[in-house]
Amino acid sequence: RAVLHIQDSNGIDDLGRPRWQLTSCLAVVIILLYFSLWKGVKTSGKVVWITATMPYVVLTVLLLRGVTLPGAIDGIKAYLSVDFLRLCDAKVWIEAATQICFSLGVGFGVLIAFSSYNKFSNNCYRDAIITSSINSLTSFFSGFVVFSFLGYMSHKHNVALDKVARDGAGLVFVIYPEAIATLPGSSVWAVIFFIMLLTLGLDSAMGGMESVITGLIDEFKFLHKHRELFTLFIVVSTFLISLFCVTNGGMYVFTLLDHFAAGTSILFGVLIEAIGIAWFYGVDRFSDDIKEMIGHRPGRYWRLCWKFVSPCFLLFMVVVSFATFNPPNYGSYMFPQWANMLGWCLAMSSMTMVPLYAIYKFCTLPGRFCDRLAYAITPETEHHLVDNGEVRQFTLQHWLAV
């Protein structure tokens, strides 16, 4: 109540003005982001040594403190216990798929943006294995930290663990700080905890902004000469949009964005990437490219996953997420119909770009229908083959190759 002043808002249609305290904090974060990104990887590559390593140090410190608390072992036991019946719930799979995409940066363009700065001969196979493994192990490790404190809160208030646990912003900004506040030397632990949150937030924001900046600069070459100015434009635009989230009703805006902006649309984006690479470009051609880079083709397991397992799983997730959609809520507050419609517009704004751009490219290509289709599904580097009538995408061998 003291930070958000959400009690002064009647809902998303009563936001109020931006609070100067939160706006000042937001401005500090934006300034840190600008000076981390303005020179590209020359600056962000140095900053990330702090923002990426600090959370591991803090997590370890918090875990060492958490396991010494009464009830912590019960929380960890609950974390490690598996209810296999929950795997029948489609919502569990959707949230898991969305979370792994979000934490790993898949579908946001972050990995593509950063990897574009690598040397051609960089071992992308090794990097992919290391990155995904560290990501999953970090999530598993942080679970011990979270549930040790949840077990402590459950023991302290003498209530069931599932009554204490809360997802979303409530876990990070309500339950965890409440647990820390009860510890001896709580101010020190609070500073440590929120430094970790700040570095995590900066790290995520740097990746997201860098993908936008790199993508647009690569597309529009003249921006290369004005990177500092363009980066300033991006961060200022982000600041102005973020002002909606620091009003009295800003938590309602945040909840709406959290529910719609990075859920189904991310799964759809990753699905399109998987289909585009594995089917239209071709797993065989993609594997040849990797061989040219690192000296050997990826194993059959990976090629089967790229062509069949991942697209089918992602397609199932996208369909189920549409079919099982539940409107967002914040506590007892239910969003009005117009807010849900606005949320769907946000979600569809990225998804509709794929078919719209495909139609645009198809209509601007020369020739008859078959010629346009051949050009549209063939990489631009192979358009000279289309001119000679050699369209490998029109052959059965292309579609069956693994």
Protein backbone atom coordinates (compact mmCIF):
# COMPACT_ATOMS: atom_id res chain seq x y z
CA ARG A 1 0.00 0.00 0.00
CA ALA A 2 2.84 2.38 0.79
CA VAL A 3 4.73 1.73 -2.44
CA LEU A 4 1.98 1.13 -4.97
CA HIS A 5 -0.89 3.20 -3.51
CA ILE A 6 -3.16 0.79 -5.32
CA GLN A 7 -5.85 1.57 -2.72
CA ASP A 8 -6.17 4.99 -4.39
CA SER A 9 -7.23 3.37 -7.67
CA ASN A 10 -10.60 1.81 -8.43
CA GLY A 11 -9.24 -0.29 -11.29
CA ILE A 12 -7.48 -0.12 -14.62
CA ASP A 13 -9.84 2.62 -15.75
CA ASP A 14 -8.70 4.80 -12.82
CA LEU A 15 -4.90 4.90 -13.10
CA GLY A 16 -4.16 8.36 -11.76
CA ARG A 17 -0.91 10.22 -12.29
CA PRO A 18 2.55 8.60 -12.16
CA ARG A 19 3.89 8.55 -8.58
CA TRP A 20 7.04 10.65 -8.37
CA GLN A 21 8.83 8.15 -6.09
CA LEU A 22 8.37 5.22 -8.49
CA THR A 23 9.00 7.46 -11.51
CA SER A 24 12.33 8.51 -10.00
CA CYS A 25 13.32 4.88 -9.48
CA LEU A 26 12.26 4.09 -13.04
CA ALA A 27 14.36 7.00 -14.34
CA VAL A 28 17.43 5.68 -12.49
CA VAL A 29 16.96 2.24 -14.04
CA ILE A 30 16.54 3.76 -17.52
CA ILE A 31 19.74 5.80 -17.10
CA LEU A 32 21.63 2.66 -16.01
CA LEU A 33 20.26 0.83 -19.04
CA TYR A 34 21.29 3.56 -21.43
CA PHE A 35 24.89 3.69 -20.26
CA SER A 36 24.99 -0.11 -20.33
CA LEU A 37 23.82 -0.27 -23.94
CA TRP A 38 24.93 2.91 -25.69
CA LYS A 39 28.18 1.41 -27.04
CA GLY A 40 26.69 -2.00 -27.80
CA VAL A 41 28.42 -5.15 -26.57
CA LYS A 42 31.50 -3.07 -25.71
CA THR A 43 29.64 -1.77 -22.66
CA SER A 44 26.92 -4.39 -22.07
CA GLY A 45 29.51 -7.17 -22.21
CA LYS A 46 31.31 -5.58 -19.24
CA VAL A 47 28.18 -4.73 -17.26
CA VAL A 48 26.86 -8.27 -17.59
CA TRP A 49 29.81 -9.60 -15.58
CA ILE A 50 28.18 -7.88 -12.60
CA THR A 51 24.49 -8.30 -13.41
CA ALA A 52 24.82 -11.97 -14.35
CA THR A 53 27.12 -13.11 -11.54
CA MET A 54 25.72 -11.07 -8.64
CA PRO A 55 22.41 -13.07 -8.48
CA TYR A 56 24.33 -16.34 -8.03
CA VAL A 57 26.29 -14.92 -5.11
CA VAL A 58 23.13 -13.57 -3.48
CA LEU A 59 21.15 -16.77 -4.11
CA THR A 60 23.89 -18.79 -2.43
CA VAL A 61 23.96 -16.45 0.57
CA LEU A 62 20.16 -16.54 0.88
CA LEU A 63 20.12 -20.33 0.59
CA LEU A 64 22.71 -20.71 3.36
CA ARG A 65 20.54 -18.47 5.54
CA GLY A 66 17.25 -20.04 4.44
CA VAL A 67 18.11 -23.65 5.27
CA THR A 68 18.91 -22.67 8.88
CA LEU A 69 15.38 -21.34 9.46
CA PRO A 70 12.71 -23.42 11.25
CA GLY A 71 10.38 -25.11 8.75
CA ALA A 72 12.81 -24.70 5.84
CA ILE A 73 13.26 -28.47 5.45
CA ASP A 74 9.48 -28.92 5.13
CA GLY A 75 9.44 -26.33 2.36
CA ILE A 76 12.30 -28.03 0.50
CA LYS A 77 10.56 -31.43 0.86
CA ALA A 78 7.41 -29.92 -0.64
CA TYR A 79 9.53 -28.47 -3.49
CA LEU A 80 11.07 -31.85 -4.30
CA SER A 81 7.82 -33.82 -4.05
CA VAL A 82 6.22 -34.40 -7.46
CA ASP A 83 2.50 -34.69 -8.14
CA PHE A 84 2.44 -36.50 -11.48
CA LEU A 85 -1.32 -36.02 -11.78
CA ARG A 86 -0.68 -32.31 -12.34
CA LEU A 87 0.94 -33.26 -15.66
CA CYS A 88 -2.59 -33.91 -16.93
CA ASP A 89 -3.35 -30.22 -16.48
CA ALA A 90 -2.69 -28.31 -19.72
CA LYS A 91 -2.12 -25.09 -17.77
CA VAL A 92 0.99 -26.63 -16.15
CA TRP A 93 2.52 -27.35 -19.57
CA ILE A 94 1.65 -23.90 -20.91
CA GLU A 95 3.18 -22.12 -17.93
CA ALA A 96 6.27 -24.35 -18.08
CA ALA A 97 6.75 -23.71 -21.81
CA THR A 98 6.23 -19.97 -21.37
CA GLN A 99 8.60 -19.83 -18.41
CA ILE A 100 11.42 -21.68 -20.19
CA CYS A 101 11.03 -19.40 -23.22
CA PHE A 102 11.08 -16.35 -20.97
CA SER A 103 14.03 -17.37 -18.78
CA LEU A 104 16.12 -18.60 -21.70
CA GLY A 105 15.20 -15.66 -23.94
CA VAL A 106 13.82 -17.86 -26.73
CA GLY A 107 11.38 -16.05 -29.01
CA PHE A 108 12.41 -12.57 -27.85
CA GLY A 109 15.35 -12.29 -30.25
CA VAL A 110 17.81 -11.91 -27.37
CA LEU A 111 19.91 -14.98 -28.17
CA ILE A 112 19.92 -14.14 -31.88
CA ALA A 113 20.99 -10.55 -31.19
CA PHE A 114 23.87 -11.49 -28.90
CA SER A 115 25.01 -14.44 -31.03
CA SER A 116 25.18 -12.17 -34.09
CA TYR A 117 28.31 -10.65 -32.56
CA ASN A 118 30.08 -14.03 -32.43
CA LYS A 119 32.77 -15.10 -34.86
CA PHE A 120 31.59 -17.33 -37.72
CA SER A 121 33.54 -20.32 -36.37
CA ASN A 122 32.16 -19.95 -32.84
CA ASN A 123 31.01 -23.29 -31.40
CA CYS A 124 27.27 -22.57 -31.34
CA TYR A 125 26.50 -26.22 -30.48
CA ARG A 126 28.55 -26.02 -27.27
CA ASP A 127 27.11 -22.61 -26.38
CA ALA A 128 23.52 -23.84 -26.84
CA ILE A 129 24.09 -26.82 -24.55
CA ILE A 130 25.86 -24.75 -21.88
CA THR A 131 23.32 -21.89 -21.97
CA SER A 132 20.23 -24.10 -21.72
CA SER A 133 21.83 -26.31 -19.03
CA ILE A 134 22.86 -23.35 -16.85
CA ASN A 135 19.40 -21.82 -17.27
CA SER A 136 17.62 -24.97 -16.09
CA LEU A 137 20.07 -25.61 -13.25
CA THR A 138 19.69 -22.00 -12.08
CA SER A 139 15.90 -22.35 -11.98
CA PHE A 140 16.25 -25.62 -10.03
CA PHE A 141 18.75 -24.06 -7.60
CA SER A 142 16.65 -20.94 -7.00
CA GLY A 143 13.69 -23.18 -6.13
CA PHE A 144 15.54 -24.31 -3.00
CA VAL A 145 16.03 -20.68 -1.98
CA VAL A 146 12.37 -19.79 -2.52
CA PHE A 147 10.88 -22.85 -0.82
CA SER A 148 13.20 -22.72 2.18
CA PHE A 149 11.73 -19.29 2.99
CA LEU A 150 8.18 -20.42 2.12
CA GLY A 151 8.60 -23.32 4.53
CA TYR A 152 9.75 -20.86 7.16
CA MET A 153 6.70 -18.64 6.61
CA SER A 154 4.42 -21.69 6.71
CA HIS A 155 5.96 -22.74 10.03
CA LYS A 156 5.87 -19.21 11.47
CA HIS A 157 2.17 -18.62 10.68
CA ASN A 158 1.21 -22.28 11.24
CA VAL A 159 -0.60 -22.54 7.89
CA ALA A 160 -0.28 -24.93 4.97
CA LEU A 161 2.48 -24.20 2.47
CA ASP A 162 0.05 -23.79 -0.44
CA LYS A 163 -1.67 -21.02 1.55
CA VAL A 164 1.62 -19.11 1.79
CA ALA A 165 2.88 -19.60 -1.77
CA ARG A 166 1.84 -17.00 -4.31
CA ASP A 167 2.84 -16.56 -7.94
CA GLY A 168 3.68 -13.43 -9.91
CA ALA A 169 4.76 -10.19 -8.27
CA GLY A 170 3.22 -11.20 -4.95
CA LEU A 171 5.91 -13.83 -4.27
CA VAL A 172 8.81 -11.47 -4.96
CA PHE A 173 7.48 -8.24 -3.46
CA VAL A 174 5.17 -9.45 -0.68
CA ILE A 175 5.88 -12.96 0.63
CA TYR A 176 9.67 -12.94 0.37
CA PRO A 177 10.20 -9.46 1.87
CA GLU A 178 7.78 -10.38 4.66
CA ALA A 179 9.91 -13.43 5.45
CA ILE A 180 13.12 -11.38 5.36
CA ALA A 181 11.60 -8.72 7.62
CA THR A 182 11.22 -11.28 10.43
CA LEU A 183 14.93 -12.22 10.42
CA PRO A 184 17.60 -10.74 12.70
CA GLY A 185 19.44 -8.07 10.74
CA SER A 186 16.50 -7.85 8.34
CA SER A 187 17.66 -4.57 6.78
CA VAL A 188 20.90 -6.18 5.60
CA TRP A 189 19.08 -9.17 4.11
CA ALA A 190 16.55 -6.85 2.44
CA VAL A 191 19.32 -4.81 0.80
CA ILE A 192 21.01 -8.00 -0.45
CA PHE A 193 17.74 -9.40 -1.78
CA PHE A 194 16.71 -6.25 -3.64
CA ILE A 195 20.20 -5.76 -5.11
CA MET A 196 19.74 -9.22 -6.59
CA LEU A 197 16.34 -8.24 -8.03
CA LEU A 198 17.79 -5.04 -9.48
CA THR A 199 20.65 -6.86 -11.21
CA LEU A 200 18.27 -9.51 -12.55
CA GLY A 201 15.94 -6.83 -13.87
CA LEU A 202 18.77 -4.90 -15.51
CA ASP A 203 20.11 -8.10 -17.07
CA SER A 204 16.73 -9.00 -18.56
CA ALA A 205 16.04 -5.47 -19.75
CA MET A 206 19.47 -5.21 -21.37
CA GLY A 207 18.83 -8.38 -23.34
CA GLY A 208 15.36 -7.30 -24.45
CA MET A 209 16.46 -3.82 -25.49
CA GLU A 210 19.60 -5.08 -27.22
CA SER A 211 17.52 -7.41 -29.40
CA VAL A 212 15.37 -4.46 -30.53
CA ILE A 213 18.34 -2.15 -31.08
CA THR A 214 20.46 -4.74 -32.90
CA GLY A 215 17.57 -5.90 -35.07
CA LEU A 216 16.65 -2.40 -36.22
CA ILE A 217 20.27 -1.30 -36.73
CA ASP A 218 20.96 -4.39 -38.86
CA GLU A 219 17.82 -3.70 -40.88
CA PHE A 220 18.45 0.02 -41.35
CA LYS A 221 22.19 0.44 -41.92
CA PHE A 222 22.22 4.23 -41.54
CA LEU A 223 21.50 3.79 -37.81
CA HIS A 224 24.99 2.31 -37.32
CA LYS A 225 26.47 5.80 -37.32
CA HIS A 226 23.95 7.03 -34.75
CA ARG A 227 23.85 4.11 -32.30
CA GLU A 228 24.11 6.29 -29.16
CA LEU A 229 21.26 8.56 -30.32
CA PHE A 230 19.10 5.63 -31.43
CA THR A 231 19.69 3.83 -28.12
CA LEU A 232 18.62 7.01 -26.31
CA PHE A 233 15.42 7.07 -28.40
CA ILE A 234 14.64 3.44 -27.48
CA VAL A 235 15.21 3.87 -23.73
CA VAL A 236 13.27 7.15 -23.58
CA SER A 237 10.37 5.52 -25.46
CA THR A 238 10.48 2.64 -23.00
CA PHE A 239 10.46 5.10 -20.10
CA LEU A 240 7.40 6.93 -21.42
CA ILE A 241 5.46 3.70 -21.97
CA SER A 242 6.50 2.41 -18.54
CA LEU A 243 4.95 5.46 -16.85
CA PHE A 244 1.59 3.67 -17.05
CA CYS A 245 3.00 1.04 -14.67
CA VAL A 246 4.05 3.52 -11.95
CA THR A 247 0.64 5.14 -11.47
CA ASN A 248 -1.72 4.28 -8.60
CA GLY A 249 -3.32 1.63 -10.80
CA GLY A 250 -0.03 0.63 -12.38
CA MET A 251 -0.19 -2.89 -10.94
CA TYR A 252 -3.33 -3.49 -12.99
CA VAL A 253 -1.44 -2.45 -16.14
CA PHE A 254 1.48 -4.67 -15.15
CA THR A 255 -0.85 -7.64 -14.55
CA LEU A 256 -2.48 -7.13 -17.95
CA LEU A 257 0.90 -6.96 -19.70
CA ASP A 258 2.22 -9.95 -17.76
CA HIS A 259 -0.84 -12.02 -18.69
CA PHE A 260 -1.04 -11.18 -22.39
CA ALA A 261 2.23 -9.80 -23.73
CA ALA A 262 4.58 -12.73 -23.17
CA GLY A 263 2.43 -15.84 -23.10
CA THR A 264 0.74 -17.27 -26.15
CA SER A 265 2.47 -14.77 -28.44
CA ILE A 266 5.93 -16.05 -27.40
CA LEU A 267 4.94 -19.69 -27.97
CA PHE A 268 3.55 -18.70 -31.37
CA GLY A 269 6.75 -16.84 -32.27
CA VAL A 270 8.93 -19.82 -31.33
CA LEU A 271 6.61 -22.13 -33.30
CA ILE A 272 7.01 -20.02 -36.42
CA GLU A 273 10.81 -19.95 -35.98
CA ALA A 274 10.89 -23.74 -35.61
CA ILE A 275 8.73 -24.30 -38.72
CA GLY A 276 10.63 -21.72 -40.75
CA ILE A 277 14.03 -23.26 -40.03
CA ALA A 278 13.14 -26.95 -39.91
CA TRP A 279 10.65 -27.13 -42.79
CA PHE A 280 11.07 -24.24 -45.20
CA TYR A 281 14.79 -23.63 -44.86
CA GLY A 282 15.34 -27.32 -44.19
CA VAL A 283 16.94 -29.26 -41.35
CA ASP A 284 19.49 -30.70 -43.78
CA ARG A 285 20.57 -27.26 -44.99
CA PHE A 286 20.61 -25.94 -41.42
CA SER A 287 22.78 -28.88 -40.34
CA ASP A 288 25.16 -28.22 -43.25
CA ASP A 289 25.49 -24.60 -42.08
CA ILE A 290 26.37 -25.75 -38.57
CA LYS A 291 28.92 -28.19 -40.00
CA GLU A 292 30.51 -25.33 -41.93
CA MET A 293 30.81 -23.41 -38.66
CA ILE A 294 31.99 -26.05 -36.18
CA GLY A 295 33.19 -28.93 -38.41
CA HIS A 296 30.45 -31.51 -37.80
CA ARG A 297 26.69 -31.91 -38.20
CA PRO A 298 24.42 -32.06 -35.15
CA GLY A 299 23.21 -35.53 -34.14
CA ARG A 300 20.03 -37.16 -35.42
CA TYR A 301 18.34 -36.60 -32.06
CA TRP A 302 18.54 -32.82 -32.49
CA ARG A 303 17.43 -32.95 -36.11
CA LEU A 304 14.35 -35.04 -35.20
CA CYS A 305 13.52 -32.62 -32.38
CA TRP A 306 13.84 -29.60 -34.68
CA LYS A 307 11.69 -31.10 -37.42
CA PHE A 308 9.01 -33.02 -35.54
CA VAL A 309 9.06 -32.93 -31.73
CA SER A 310 9.42 -29.17 -31.11
CA PRO A 311 6.95 -27.95 -33.79
CA CYS A 312 4.30 -30.49 -32.73
CA PHE A 313 4.72 -29.69 -29.04
CA LEU A 314 4.63 -25.94 -29.64
CA LEU A 315 1.60 -26.20 -31.94
CA PHE A 316 -0.21 -28.17 -29.24
CA MET A 317 0.72 -25.55 -26.63
CA VAL A 318 -0.50 -22.66 -28.79
CA VAL A 319 -3.84 -24.36 -29.54
CA VAL A 320 -4.39 -25.35 -25.90
CA SER A 321 -3.46 -21.88 -24.61
CA PHE A 322 -6.14 -20.37 -26.85
CA ALA A 323 -8.70 -23.04 -25.89
CA THR A 324 -8.10 -22.81 -22.13
CA PHE A 325 -7.76 -19.04 -21.87
CA ASN A 326 -8.79 -17.51 -18.56
CA PRO A 327 -9.12 -13.72 -18.16
CA PRO A 328 -6.60 -12.12 -15.78
CA ASN A 329 -7.38 -10.95 -12.28
CA TYR A 330 -5.54 -9.17 -9.47
CA GLY A 331 -6.76 -10.58 -6.18
CA SER A 332 -10.53 -10.15 -6.23
CA TYR A 333 -10.40 -7.52 -8.99
CA MET A 334 -11.66 -8.77 -12.35
CA PHE A 335 -10.64 -6.80 -15.42
CA PRO A 336 -13.40 -5.22 -17.54
CA GLN A 337 -14.15 -6.58 -20.99
CA TRP A 338 -12.45 -3.68 -22.78
CA ALA A 339 -9.22 -4.36 -20.87
CA ASN A 340 -9.27 -8.02 -21.94
CA MET A 341 -9.84 -6.90 -25.53
CA LEU A 342 -6.89 -4.52 -25.23
CA GLY A 343 -4.79 -7.36 -23.84
CA TRP A 344 -5.65 -9.58 -26.81
CA CYS A 345 -4.73 -6.72 -29.16
CA LEU A 346 -1.33 -6.56 -27.45
CA ALA A 347 -0.87 -10.31 -27.80
CA MET A 348 -2.02 -10.35 -31.43
CA SER A 349 0.08 -7.32 -32.37
CA SER A 350 3.17 -9.53 -32.59
CA MET A 351 1.46 -12.68 -33.88
CA THR A 352 -0.35 -10.98 -36.76
CA MET A 353 2.92 -9.50 -38.04
CA VAL A 354 3.93 -12.96 -39.32
CA PRO A 355 1.00 -13.56 -41.72
CA LEU A 356 0.74 -9.86 -42.63
CA TYR A 357 4.41 -9.63 -43.62
CA ALA A 358 4.16 -12.97 -45.46
CA ILE A 359 1.22 -11.64 -47.50
CA TYR A 360 3.09 -8.39 -48.16
CA LYS A 361 6.20 -10.19 -49.40
CA PHE A 362 4.13 -12.53 -51.53
CA CYS A 363 2.26 -9.66 -53.19
CA THR A 364 5.46 -7.71 -53.93
CA LEU A 365 7.29 -10.62 -55.59
CA PRO A 366 7.36 -10.82 -59.40
CA GLY A 367 5.82 -13.46 -61.67
CA ARG A 368 2.82 -15.77 -61.56
CA PHE A 369 1.40 -17.45 -58.47
CA CYS A 370 3.79 -20.44 -58.57
CA ASP A 371 6.77 -18.16 -59.17
CA ARG A 372 5.81 -15.94 -56.24
CA LEU A 373 5.32 -18.98 -54.01
CA ALA A 374 8.74 -20.35 -55.03
CA TYR A 375 10.45 -17.03 -54.24
CA ALA A 376 8.53 -16.64 -50.96
CA ILE A 377 9.56 -20.01 -49.46
CA THR A 378 13.16 -19.90 -50.74
CA PRO A 379 16.00 -18.06 -48.96
CA GLU A 380 17.09 -14.93 -50.82
CA THR A 381 20.56 -16.39 -51.36
CA GLU A 382 18.96 -19.13 -53.48
CA HIS A 383 16.70 -16.94 -55.64
CA HIS A 384 19.05 -17.47 -58.58
CA LEU A 385 18.18 -21.17 -58.42
CA VAL A 386 14.48 -20.31 -58.62
CA ASP A 387 15.21 -18.39 -61.83
CA ASN A 388 16.63 -21.64 -63.25
CA GLY A 389 13.61 -23.66 -62.11
CA GLU A 390 15.49 -25.40 -59.28
CA VAL A 391 13.22 -25.05 -56.27
CA ARG A 392 14.20 -27.63 -53.67
CA GLN A 393 11.16 -26.71 -51.55
CA PHE A 394 9.01 -28.15 -54.36
CA THR A 395 10.62 -31.58 -54.05
CA LEU A 396 9.55 -34.43 -51.77
CA GLN A 397 13.16 -35.03 -50.79
CA HIS A 398 13.34 -31.60 -49.15
CA TRP A 399 10.30 -32.21 -46.94
CA LEU A 400 11.37 -35.73 -45.90
CA ALA A 401 15.01 -34.89 -45.19
CA VAL A 402 16.13 -35.10 -41.57
